[in-house]
Amino acid sequence: MKIDLQLVHNILFKDGRLEWDEQTKQGIKDCYDFLALFSHDKIIYGINTGFGPMAQWRVSDDHLRDLQYNIIRSHSTGAGEPLSDFFVRASMLARVGSMAQCKSGVHPELVALLTEFINRGIYPFIPKHGSVGASGDLVQLAHMALCLIGEGKVHYNGEWRATREVMDECGLKPIDIHIREGLSCTNGTSVMTGISAVNQLHAENLLHLATIAAVWMNEIAGSYDDLMAAPLNECRRHDGQIRIAARMREMSQGSKRLQKRENILYSIESQKSKVESIEVNGVFKDKVQAYYSLRCAPQILGPIADTLRYSRQVIEEELNAASDNPIVDPVTQNVYHGGNFHGDYISLEADKIKIAMVRLAMVSERQLNYLCHDRINGILPPFLNMGTLGLNYGIQACQFTATSTTAECQTLAMPNYVHSIPNNNDNQDIVSMGTNSAELCAQVIDNCYQVLSVLFLAMAQAVDCLKIKDELAPATRQMYDAIRQLTPTIVEDTPFYEDLAKIESFLRDVKELKS
């Protein structure tokens, strides 16, 4: 069975269920049965040795079960606020996705219990801080494993409760230790992968929203539509730019606001009959070319689209990757020791998504500035103020929020992938910091939604200032109507924080995957 982002989306946003096919179930059992025989008279890391730099110490047969419990309990050392239910559920999906590769040698009851947790909405307490991203997410996965052995606490039906109490209520039993369940539970990239899967879905949604905003902004400005023309964008060669331009053309269908350059500036007849509407004393009344934040949308959003297309591939590969150590391979009848737990793939992609989202916030903030700045746009009142200038202030202060939030994004743009601090007696002498990368990316994504909430509020207000709602394309008119169902046209000064929160909630609703 393959866990892809469509399945993650369905389980996270549509309360879907995780079901296993018989072939996968049998593969997990066969891998466990092979390890049970193979490990009988051999030295295998984490089965009859200590962990990490303690691997040089052999553990006696009398303490093998204790060894597995000890790694879970000793590594449950996380700190900070708990991860959100979304992140925890996605992390559990990533963990079962790794075990479903039939390379971990775990007993089938472990995968079955994790699946029950996912389907029943039982969320282990997993603190935000603790992972260095090599040997995977040891600390945070230990917190997940702690609940699987019936200890710790879980978030269930909106309440934090003792794990064992919830398990008894649901008719579930803690896992037993058979061979290496403790190590396999804690060793892997599942938390950083789970967070990154959620980030990916939101990043794709944000790109979709930014593309709608790009069309809507150009409608407000009355731009010439050749900025999204196929011949212009296709000769640049880049796939992302071509796709964004095509999407903008699709979204702009039916618009009465976008102008045809060939009908106005290229038409001699048009210039003769409408010369005063085009220029006065040799100066063109309308801008021949729009500002970069409007005109260059395909060139700015295109690299973001390409980045997200590749990150989607990497994240889906990691969701279906055997990411612990050692790797148990019943096909070749061997157990391989290596470093599949190392989080570099996810760490690098998380940073790339984060940087792409910072850029998205930046172009959105510049578009907002265009709407607020009457001397730049030349068609709107200062700060979209439909009240009395001087007495009323429009969305002047809303811009402060968007600007400060964008500035924070820029501060967070520094790649985390390039940081590594050796630890674990230098056994872990270079680490990925992948989970930190994923969490910082999530923070930037939250900020992007806040910036876009101000931009969408402003675009709706601009439409009302110009009285052009009936001239919008159906796609942007639909967004205008949705915003206006949440917030009224602004005339008198009013607190905005609740309106912005409503818009943010609306924008965050990931209704379908965007590619």
Protein backbone atom coordinates (compact mmCIF):
# COMPACT_ATOMS: atom_id res chain seq x y z
CA MET A 1 0.00 0.00 0.00
CA LYS A 2 1.22 3.50 -0.83
CA ILE A 3 0.70 6.51 1.39
CA ASP A 4 0.56 9.59 -0.82
CA LEU A 5 -0.41 13.18 -0.13
CA GLN A 6 -3.91 12.57 -1.42
CA LEU A 7 -4.40 9.97 1.32
CA VAL A 8 -2.83 12.31 3.90
CA HIS A 9 -5.23 15.02 2.74
CA ASN A 10 -8.24 12.74 3.02
CA ILE A 11 -7.32 11.52 6.50
CA LEU A 12 -6.39 14.95 7.85
CA PHE A 13 -9.01 17.17 6.22
CA LYS A 14 -11.86 14.78 5.45
CA ASP A 15 -11.66 12.40 8.42
CA GLY A 16 -10.79 9.49 6.16
CA ARG A 17 -9.67 6.11 7.47
CA LEU A 18 -6.45 4.20 6.96
CA GLU A 19 -7.02 0.67 5.69
CA TRP A 20 -4.36 -1.97 4.99
CA ASP A 21 -4.43 -4.49 2.17
CA GLU A 22 -3.75 -8.14 2.88
CA GLN A 23 -0.50 -8.17 0.92
CA THR A 24 1.00 -5.48 3.16
CA LYS A 25 -0.21 -7.20 6.31
CA GLN A 26 1.36 -10.45 5.18
CA GLY A 27 4.60 -8.67 4.24
CA ILE A 28 4.90 -7.17 7.72
CA LYS A 29 4.37 -10.60 9.28
CA ASP A 30 6.87 -12.28 6.95
CA CYS A 31 9.51 -9.67 7.81
CA TYR A 32 8.92 -10.20 11.51
CA ASP A 33 9.08 -13.98 11.15
CA PHE A 34 12.35 -13.73 9.22
CA LEU A 35 13.94 -11.49 11.89
CA ALA A 36 12.81 -13.81 14.67
CA LEU A 37 14.77 -16.66 13.07
CA PHE A 38 17.71 -14.64 11.76
CA SER A 39 18.46 -12.79 15.03
CA HIS A 40 18.53 -15.93 17.15
CA ASP A 41 22.32 -16.40 17.18
CA LYS A 42 23.68 -13.13 15.78
CA ILE A 43 24.83 -9.75 17.07
CA ILE A 44 22.44 -7.13 15.67
CA TYR A 45 22.42 -3.48 16.66
CA GLY A 46 19.57 -2.50 18.93
CA ILE A 47 18.40 -6.07 19.46
CA ASN A 48 21.16 -7.37 21.71
CA THR A 49 23.43 -4.31 21.86
CA GLY A 50 23.12 -0.91 23.44
CA PHE A 51 22.02 2.12 21.42
CA GLY A 52 24.10 4.85 19.78
CA PRO A 53 27.63 5.05 21.24
CA MET A 54 26.53 2.34 23.70
CA ALA A 55 26.39 -0.14 20.83
CA GLN A 56 29.77 -1.53 21.90
CA TRP A 57 28.11 -3.07 24.98
CA ARG A 58 26.33 -6.37 24.54
CA VAL A 59 23.04 -6.79 26.36
CA SER A 60 22.34 -10.16 27.94
CA ASP A 61 19.40 -12.22 26.75
CA ASP A 62 17.70 -11.75 30.12
CA HIS A 63 17.30 -8.00 29.49
CA LEU A 64 16.34 -7.79 25.82
CA ARG A 65 12.73 -6.77 26.51
CA ASP A 66 13.90 -4.20 29.07
CA LEU A 67 16.27 -2.81 26.45
CA GLN A 68 13.37 -1.93 24.15
CA TYR A 69 11.31 -0.36 26.92
CA ASN A 70 14.36 1.59 28.10
CA ILE A 71 14.92 3.38 24.79
CA ILE A 72 11.30 4.53 24.78
CA ARG A 73 11.26 5.75 28.37
CA SER A 74 14.76 7.24 28.44
CA HIS A 75 14.25 9.20 25.24
CA SER A 76 10.88 10.71 26.21
CA THR A 77 12.61 13.98 27.04
CA GLY A 78 10.94 16.53 24.75
CA ALA A 79 10.20 20.10 25.76
CA GLY A 80 7.85 22.88 24.75
CA GLU A 81 4.27 22.99 23.56
CA PRO A 82 2.75 19.84 22.07
CA LEU A 83 2.59 19.46 18.32
CA SER A 84 -0.84 20.04 16.82
CA ASP A 85 -3.19 17.12 16.24
CA PHE A 86 -2.67 17.58 12.49
CA PHE A 87 1.08 17.19 12.82
CA VAL A 88 0.81 14.22 15.19
CA ARG A 89 -1.69 12.38 13.00
CA ALA A 90 0.46 12.96 9.92
CA SER A 91 3.52 11.77 11.84
CA MET A 92 1.74 8.55 12.80
CA LEU A 93 0.84 8.09 9.13
CA ALA A 94 4.49 8.51 8.20
CA ARG A 95 5.53 5.99 10.87
CA VAL A 96 3.15 3.29 9.66
CA GLY A 97 4.17 4.14 6.10
CA SER A 98 7.76 3.33 7.02
CA MET A 99 6.83 0.09 8.77
CA ALA A 100 4.59 -0.91 5.85
CA GLN A 101 7.69 -1.22 3.68
CA CYS A 102 8.19 -4.57 5.44
CA LYS A 103 11.81 -3.76 6.30
CA SER A 104 11.51 -3.08 10.04
CA GLY A 105 10.95 -6.53 11.52
CA VAL A 106 8.23 -5.33 13.88
CA HIS A 107 5.33 -7.41 15.09
CA PRO A 108 2.10 -6.75 13.15
CA GLU A 109 0.32 -5.66 16.33
CA LEU A 110 2.44 -2.48 16.40
CA VAL A 111 1.23 -1.35 12.97
CA ALA A 112 -2.32 -2.37 13.90
CA LEU A 113 -2.30 -0.26 17.08
CA LEU A 114 -0.84 2.77 15.32
CA THR A 115 -3.57 2.45 12.72
CA GLU A 116 -6.20 2.38 15.47
CA PHE A 117 -4.74 5.56 16.96
CA ILE A 118 -4.94 7.27 13.56
CA ASN A 119 -8.49 6.14 12.80
CA ARG A 120 -9.84 6.86 16.28
CA GLY A 121 -8.24 10.30 16.61
CA ILE A 122 -5.99 9.38 19.54
CA TYR A 123 -3.04 11.80 19.50
CA PRO A 124 0.06 11.09 21.61
CA PHE A 125 1.63 13.98 23.47
CA ILE A 126 4.66 14.93 21.34
CA PRO A 127 6.53 18.08 22.42
CA LYS A 128 7.77 20.53 19.83
CA HIS A 129 11.45 20.41 20.79
CA GLY A 130 13.77 17.44 21.00
CA SER A 131 14.83 16.22 17.58
CA VAL A 132 18.18 16.85 15.89
CA GLY A 133 16.93 14.95 12.85
CA ALA A 134 19.53 12.18 12.73
CA SER A 135 18.83 8.79 14.11
CA GLY A 136 15.64 10.43 13.00
CA ASP A 137 13.24 12.01 15.45
CA LEU A 138 14.35 9.92 18.42
CA VAL A 139 12.92 12.07 21.19
CA GLN A 140 9.59 12.92 19.60
CA LEU A 141 9.03 9.39 18.30
CA ALA A 142 9.82 8.10 21.79
CA HIS A 143 6.86 10.14 23.05
CA MET A 144 4.70 8.49 20.38
CA ALA A 145 6.02 5.06 21.38
CA LEU A 146 5.42 5.82 25.06
CA CYS A 147 1.71 5.96 24.35
CA LEU A 148 1.83 2.74 22.33
CA ILE A 149 3.09 0.91 25.42
CA GLY A 150 0.21 2.41 27.41
CA GLU A 151 2.12 5.19 29.18
CA GLY A 152 2.21 8.97 28.86
CA LYS A 153 -0.81 11.01 27.80
CA VAL A 154 -2.89 11.52 24.68
CA HIS A 155 -5.18 14.17 23.24
CA TYR A 156 -8.56 12.55 22.69
CA ASN A 157 -11.86 14.28 21.93
CA GLY A 158 -10.29 17.63 22.82
CA GLU A 159 -8.97 16.56 26.23
CA TRP A 160 -5.58 15.48 27.56
CA ARG A 161 -5.97 12.16 29.33
CA ALA A 162 -3.86 9.26 30.56
CA THR A 163 -3.11 6.96 27.65
CA ARG A 164 -4.08 3.76 29.41
CA GLU A 165 -7.43 5.22 30.42
CA VAL A 166 -8.26 6.10 26.79
CA MET A 167 -7.04 2.73 25.52
CA ASP A 168 -9.24 0.90 28.03
CA GLU A 169 -12.18 3.03 26.99
CA CYS A 170 -11.58 2.18 23.31
CA GLY A 171 -10.93 -1.52 23.92
CA LEU A 172 -7.26 -1.29 22.89
CA LYS A 173 -4.23 -3.00 24.41
CA PRO A 174 -0.67 -1.68 24.61
CA ILE A 175 1.85 -3.33 22.31
CA ASP A 176 4.10 -6.03 23.65
CA ILE A 177 7.83 -6.14 23.04
CA HIS A 178 8.81 -9.02 20.76
CA ILE A 179 12.18 -8.24 19.18
CA ARG A 180 12.91 -4.58 18.32
CA GLU A 181 9.62 -2.70 18.63
CA GLY A 182 11.14 -0.04 20.90
CA LEU A 183 13.95 0.88 18.52
CA SER A 184 11.78 0.70 15.41
CA CYS A 185 9.17 2.96 17.00
CA THR A 186 11.69 5.64 17.88
CA ASN A 187 14.14 5.48 14.97
CA GLY A 188 13.15 7.30 11.77
CA THR A 189 12.15 10.53 10.06
CA SER A 190 8.41 10.28 10.66
CA VAL A 191 7.82 13.46 12.67
CA MET A 192 9.69 15.75 10.30
CA THR A 193 7.99 13.96 7.39
CA GLY A 194 4.53 14.25 8.93
CA ILE A 195 4.96 17.97 9.61
CA SER A 196 6.35 18.46 6.10
CA ALA A 197 3.39 16.62 4.55
CA VAL A 198 1.00 19.03 6.25
CA ASN A 199 3.21 21.96 5.23
CA GLN A 200 3.17 20.77 1.63
CA LEU A 201 -0.61 20.68 1.49
CA HIS A 202 -0.84 24.19 2.92
CA ALA A 203 1.94 25.50 0.67
CA GLU A 204 0.10 24.21 -2.41
CA ASN A 205 -3.08 25.85 -1.14
CA LEU A 206 -1.23 29.13 -0.57
CA LEU A 207 0.16 29.02 -4.10
CA HIS A 208 -3.35 28.51 -5.42
CA LEU A 209 -4.57 31.51 -3.40
CA ALA A 210 -1.63 33.64 -4.54
CA THR A 211 -2.46 32.79 -8.16
CA ILE A 212 -6.06 33.90 -7.67
CA ALA A 213 -4.78 37.06 -6.01
CA ALA A 214 -2.47 37.75 -8.97
CA VAL A 215 -5.40 37.65 -11.38
CA TRP A 216 -7.62 39.68 -9.07
CA MET A 217 -4.93 42.33 -8.54
CA ASN A 218 -4.48 42.79 -12.28
CA GLU A 219 -8.24 43.10 -12.69
CA ILE A 220 -8.32 45.84 -10.08
CA ALA A 221 -5.47 47.63 -11.85
CA GLY A 222 -7.05 47.14 -15.27
CA SER A 223 -3.81 45.61 -16.56
CA TYR A 224 -3.15 44.41 -20.08
CA ASP A 225 -3.61 40.65 -20.15
CA ASP A 226 -0.49 39.79 -22.17
CA LEU A 227 1.45 39.34 -18.92
CA MET A 228 -0.06 35.85 -18.80
CA ALA A 229 0.06 35.16 -22.57
CA ALA A 230 1.24 31.71 -23.64
CA PRO A 231 3.84 32.89 -26.22
CA LEU A 232 5.42 35.23 -23.66
CA ASN A 233 5.71 32.67 -20.87
CA GLU A 234 6.49 29.60 -22.94
CA CYS A 235 9.58 31.13 -24.50
CA ARG A 236 11.04 31.44 -20.98
CA ARG A 237 11.05 27.61 -20.91
CA HIS A 238 10.46 27.12 -17.16
CA ASP A 239 7.64 24.68 -16.44
CA GLY A 240 6.43 26.43 -13.29
CA GLN A 241 6.09 29.80 -15.01
CA ILE A 242 4.24 28.21 -17.92
CA ARG A 243 1.82 26.43 -15.57
CA ILE A 244 1.16 29.53 -13.46
CA ALA A 245 0.48 31.62 -16.56
CA ALA A 246 -1.89 28.96 -17.90
CA ARG A 247 -3.68 28.85 -14.56
CA MET A 248 -4.01 32.64 -14.56
CA ARG A 249 -5.48 32.56 -18.07
CA GLU A 250 -7.98 29.97 -16.89
CA MET A 251 -8.92 31.98 -13.81
CA SER A 252 -9.27 35.21 -15.78
CA GLN A 253 -11.77 33.81 -18.27
CA GLY A 254 -14.82 36.07 -18.44
CA SER A 255 -13.14 39.11 -16.91
CA LYS A 256 -14.26 42.49 -18.22
CA ARG A 257 -11.47 44.33 -16.43
CA LEU A 258 -8.35 43.01 -18.18
CA GLN A 259 -7.43 44.93 -21.30
CA LYS A 260 -6.19 43.73 -24.69
CA ARG A 261 -3.03 45.56 -25.69
CA GLU A 262 -3.66 44.82 -29.34
CA ASN A 263 -7.08 46.52 -29.14
CA ILE A 264 -5.79 49.71 -27.55
CA LEU A 265 -2.08 50.44 -27.96
CA TYR A 266 -1.53 48.43 -31.13
CA SER A 267 -4.69 49.53 -32.97
CA ILE A 268 -4.32 52.63 -35.13
CA GLU A 269 -8.07 52.98 -35.46
CA SER A 270 -8.49 52.75 -31.72
CA GLN A 271 -5.85 55.41 -31.14
CA LYS A 272 -7.48 57.76 -33.64
CA SER A 273 -10.95 57.40 -32.19
CA LYS A 274 -9.96 57.35 -28.52
CA VAL A 275 -6.79 59.36 -28.41
CA GLU A 276 -7.83 61.41 -25.37
CA SER A 277 -8.69 58.29 -23.42
CA ILE A 278 -5.21 56.93 -24.07
CA GLU A 279 -2.94 59.95 -23.66
CA VAL A 280 -2.98 63.59 -22.71
CA ASN A 281 -0.20 65.91 -23.93
CA GLY A 282 1.96 62.94 -24.83
CA VAL A 283 1.52 61.21 -21.46
CA PHE A 284 -0.36 57.91 -21.32
CA LYS A 285 -3.22 57.95 -18.83
CA ASP A 286 -2.96 54.25 -18.03
CA LYS A 287 0.29 52.46 -17.26
CA VAL A 288 1.78 50.83 -20.33
CA GLN A 289 3.15 48.13 -18.02
CA ALA A 290 2.00 47.26 -14.51
CA TYR A 291 4.29 47.17 -11.46
CA TYR A 292 6.41 44.05 -11.04
CA SER A 293 4.32 42.60 -8.22
CA LEU A 294 1.39 42.48 -10.66
CA ARG A 295 3.03 42.00 -14.04
CA CYS A 296 5.67 39.45 -13.02
CA ALA A 297 3.33 37.06 -11.20
CA PRO A 298 4.16 34.09 -13.50
CA GLN A 299 7.88 34.73 -13.13
CA ILE A 300 7.65 35.04 -9.32
CA LEU A 301 5.14 32.29 -8.59
CA GLY A 302 6.61 29.96 -11.22
CA PRO A 303 9.74 29.04 -9.22
CA ILE A 304 7.50 28.44 -6.21
CA ALA A 305 5.39 26.03 -8.29
CA ASP A 306 8.51 24.17 -9.44
CA THR A 307 9.82 23.99 -5.87
CA LEU A 308 6.55 22.54 -4.60
CA ARG A 309 6.34 20.02 -7.41
CA TYR A 310 9.73 18.55 -6.45
CA SER A 311 9.13 18.76 -2.69
CA ARG A 312 5.88 16.83 -3.18
CA GLN A 313 7.89 14.05 -4.82
CA VAL A 314 10.46 13.93 -2.01
CA ILE A 315 7.83 13.98 0.75
CA GLU A 316 5.80 11.19 -0.86
CA GLU A 317 8.96 9.12 -1.27
CA GLU A 318 9.77 9.64 2.41
CA LEU A 319 6.22 8.72 3.45
CA ASN A 320 6.90 5.34 1.85
CA ALA A 321 10.51 4.93 2.91
CA ALA A 322 12.02 2.47 5.35
CA SER A 323 13.71 5.07 7.54
CA ASP A 324 14.93 3.21 10.61
CA ASN A 325 18.08 1.20 11.33
CA PRO A 326 18.99 -1.57 10.87
CA ILE A 327 17.01 -2.55 7.76
CA VAL A 328 15.57 -6.06 7.85
CA ASP A 329 15.37 -7.58 4.36
CA PRO A 330 13.71 -10.97 4.10
CA VAL A 331 14.24 -10.94 0.31
CA THR A 332 18.04 -11.04 0.54
CA GLN A 333 17.90 -12.82 3.92
CA ASN A 334 20.05 -10.17 5.58
CA VAL A 335 20.00 -7.31 8.08
CA TYR A 336 21.74 -4.12 6.92
CA HIS A 337 23.20 -1.44 9.19
CA GLY A 338 23.29 2.10 7.84
CA GLY A 339 21.70 5.53 8.23
CA ASN A 340 18.29 5.63 6.56
CA PHE A 341 17.13 7.59 9.61
CA HIS A 342 19.13 10.65 8.50
CA GLY A 343 16.76 13.52 7.73
CA ASP A 344 18.69 15.47 5.09
CA TYR A 345 16.13 14.93 2.33
CA ILE A 346 13.29 16.36 4.39
CA SER A 347 15.41 19.08 5.99
CA LEU A 348 16.51 20.49 2.64
CA GLU A 349 13.00 20.38 1.16
CA ALA A 350 11.51 21.99 4.28
CA ASP A 351 13.94 24.87 3.90
CA LYS A 352 13.15 25.20 0.20
CA ILE A 353 9.40 25.28 0.89
CA LYS A 354 9.99 27.82 3.65
CA ILE A 355 12.01 30.11 1.38
CA ALA A 356 9.39 29.78 -1.36
CA MET A 357 6.63 30.73 1.08
CA VAL A 358 8.64 33.73 2.30
CA ARG A 359 8.78 34.91 -1.30
CA LEU A 360 5.02 34.38 -1.60
CA ALA A 361 4.46 36.53 1.48
CA MET A 362 6.73 39.22 0.04
CA VAL A 363 4.90 39.53 -3.27
CA SER A 364 1.55 39.52 -1.43
CA GLU A 365 2.72 42.34 0.83
CA ARG A 366 3.83 44.36 -2.22
CA GLN A 367 0.46 43.83 -3.86
CA LEU A 368 -1.19 45.06 -0.67
CA ASN A 369 1.05 48.12 -0.72
CA TYR A 370 -0.10 48.85 -4.29
CA LEU A 371 -3.72 48.86 -3.11
CA CYS A 372 -2.99 51.08 -0.10
CA HIS A 373 -0.74 53.60 -1.89
CA ASP A 374 -2.96 56.01 -3.84
CA ARG A 375 0.00 57.73 -5.51
CA ILE A 376 1.13 54.38 -6.91
CA ASN A 377 -2.18 52.91 -8.06
CA GLY A 378 -3.69 56.25 -9.12
CA ILE A 379 -7.25 54.92 -8.99
CA LEU A 380 -8.02 54.21 -5.32
CA PRO A 381 -8.37 56.39 -2.21
CA PRO A 382 -5.54 56.26 0.35
CA PHE A 383 -5.67 52.98 2.28
CA LEU A 384 -8.91 52.12 0.49
CA ASN A 385 -10.64 54.62 2.77
CA MET A 386 -14.32 54.93 1.81
CA GLY A 387 -15.05 57.19 4.77
CA THR A 388 -13.92 60.76 5.41
CA LEU A 389 -10.23 61.27 4.74
CA GLY A 390 -8.47 62.42 7.89
CA LEU A 391 -11.33 61.36 10.10
CA ASN A 392 -11.38 57.73 8.97
CA TYR A 393 -8.41 55.48 8.26
CA GLY A 394 -9.54 52.60 6.05
CA ILE A 395 -7.17 49.65 6.26
CA GLN A 396 -4.12 51.74 7.12
CA ALA A 397 -3.31 49.77 10.26
CA CYS A 398 -4.05 46.41 8.62
CA GLN A 399 -1.02 47.04 6.44
CA PHE A 400 1.14 47.26 9.56
CA THR A 401 0.18 43.71 10.46
CA ALA A 402 0.99 42.37 6.99
CA THR A 403 4.30 44.25 6.82
CA SER A 404 5.50 43.15 10.24
CA THR A 405 4.48 39.55 9.58
CA THR A 406 6.30 39.55 6.24
CA ALA A 407 9.37 40.96 7.97
CA GLU A 408 9.28 38.06 10.44
CA CYS A 409 9.10 35.65 7.50
CA GLN A 410 12.21 37.23 6.04
CA THR A 411 14.02 36.74 9.35
CA LEU A 412 12.97 33.08 9.37
CA ALA A 413 14.16 32.56 5.77
CA MET A 414 17.68 31.55 6.84
CA PRO A 415 18.11 27.86 5.90
CA ASN A 416 18.21 25.54 8.88
CA TYR A 417 19.68 22.70 6.79
CA VAL A 418 23.14 24.31 7.00
CA HIS A 419 23.20 24.04 10.80
CA SER A 420 24.58 21.03 12.62
CA ILE A 421 25.79 20.58 16.18
CA PRO A 422 27.53 17.25 16.96
CA ASN A 423 26.16 15.40 19.98
CA ASN A 424 25.67 11.89 21.38
CA ASN A 425 29.40 11.54 22.22
CA ASP A 426 30.02 12.60 18.59
CA ASN A 427 28.35 9.43 17.35
CA GLN A 428 25.93 11.85 15.73
CA ASP A 429 28.70 14.07 14.39
CA ILE A 430 26.58 15.63 11.62
CA VAL A 431 22.83 15.94 11.92
CA SER A 432 20.02 17.28 9.71
CA MET A 433 17.95 19.38 12.13
CA GLY A 434 15.10 18.32 9.83
CA THR A 435 12.31 18.63 12.37
CA ASN A 436 13.40 22.13 13.30
CA SER A 437 13.39 22.95 9.58
CA ALA A 438 9.85 21.59 9.21
CA GLU A 439 8.59 23.49 12.26
CA LEU A 440 10.10 26.78 11.08
CA CYS A 441 8.51 26.19 7.70
CA ALA A 442 5.15 25.70 9.43
CA GLN A 443 5.59 29.02 11.22
CA VAL A 444 6.23 30.80 7.90
CA ILE A 445 3.14 29.12 6.41
CA ASP A 446 1.02 30.40 9.29
CA ASN A 447 2.42 33.88 8.66
CA CYS A 448 1.61 33.64 4.95
CA TYR A 449 -2.04 32.99 5.73
CA GLN A 450 -2.08 36.11 7.92
CA VAL A 451 -0.56 38.25 5.17
CA LEU A 452 -2.98 36.88 2.60
CA SER A 453 -5.94 37.50 4.90
CA VAL A 454 -5.10 41.23 4.84
CA LEU A 455 -4.56 41.17 1.08
CA PHE A 456 -7.90 39.46 0.39
CA LEU A 457 -9.68 41.92 2.68
CA ALA A 458 -8.03 44.76 0.77
CA MET A 459 -8.87 43.37 -2.66
CA ALA A 460 -12.54 43.07 -1.75
CA GLN A 461 -12.47 46.65 -0.47
CA ALA A 462 -10.79 47.83 -3.69
CA VAL A 463 -13.55 46.23 -5.73
CA ASP A 464 -16.12 48.14 -3.70
CA CYS A 465 -14.19 51.40 -4.08
CA LEU A 466 -14.19 51.01 -7.86
CA LYS A 467 -17.68 49.43 -8.02
CA ILE A 468 -16.43 46.71 -10.37
CA LYS A 469 -17.72 43.48 -8.82
CA ASP A 470 -19.84 42.74 -11.89
CA GLU A 471 -16.79 43.11 -14.14
CA LEU A 472 -14.71 40.45 -12.38
CA ALA A 473 -14.01 37.02 -13.82
CA PRO A 474 -16.26 34.31 -12.32
CA ALA A 475 -13.28 32.83 -10.41
CA THR A 476 -12.36 36.10 -8.70
CA ARG A 477 -15.99 37.13 -8.27
CA GLN A 478 -16.52 33.91 -6.34
CA MET A 479 -13.68 34.86 -4.00
CA TYR A 480 -15.04 38.40 -3.65
CA ASP A 481 -18.47 37.04 -2.70
CA ALA A 482 -16.91 34.65 -0.18
CA ILE A 483 -14.99 37.47 1.51
CA ARG A 484 -18.05 39.67 1.59
CA GLN A 485 -20.05 36.91 3.28
CA LEU A 486 -17.47 37.08 6.07
CA THR A 487 -16.89 40.84 6.28
CA PRO A 488 -18.86 43.92 5.20
CA THR A 489 -17.62 46.81 3.10
CA ILE A 490 -15.57 49.15 5.30
CA VAL A 491 -16.74 52.74 5.63
CA GLU A 492 -16.59 53.64 9.31
CA ASP A 493 -13.55 52.72 11.39
CA THR A 494 -13.90 49.40 13.17
CA PRO A 495 -11.69 46.80 14.83
CA PHE A 496 -10.47 44.40 12.16
CA TYR A 497 -8.96 41.53 14.10
CA GLU A 498 -12.08 39.35 14.12
CA ASP A 499 -12.71 39.93 10.40
CA LEU A 500 -9.12 39.03 9.58
CA ALA A 501 -9.40 35.89 11.71
CA LYS A 502 -12.52 34.85 9.78
CA ILE A 503 -10.79 35.39 6.45
CA GLU A 504 -7.70 33.50 7.60
CA SER A 505 -9.84 30.56 8.70
CA PHE A 506 -11.57 30.58 5.32
CA LEU A 507 -8.26 30.67 3.43
CA ARG A 508 -6.77 27.87 5.56
CA ASP A 509 -9.54 25.46 4.60
CA VAL A 510 -7.64 23.17 2.23
CA LYS A 511 -10.55 21.89 0.19
CA GLU A 512 -8.61 20.01 -2.47
CA LEU A 513 -5.06 19.43 -3.62
CA LYS A 514 -3.58 22.01 -5.95
CA SER A 515 -0.68 21.16 -8.24
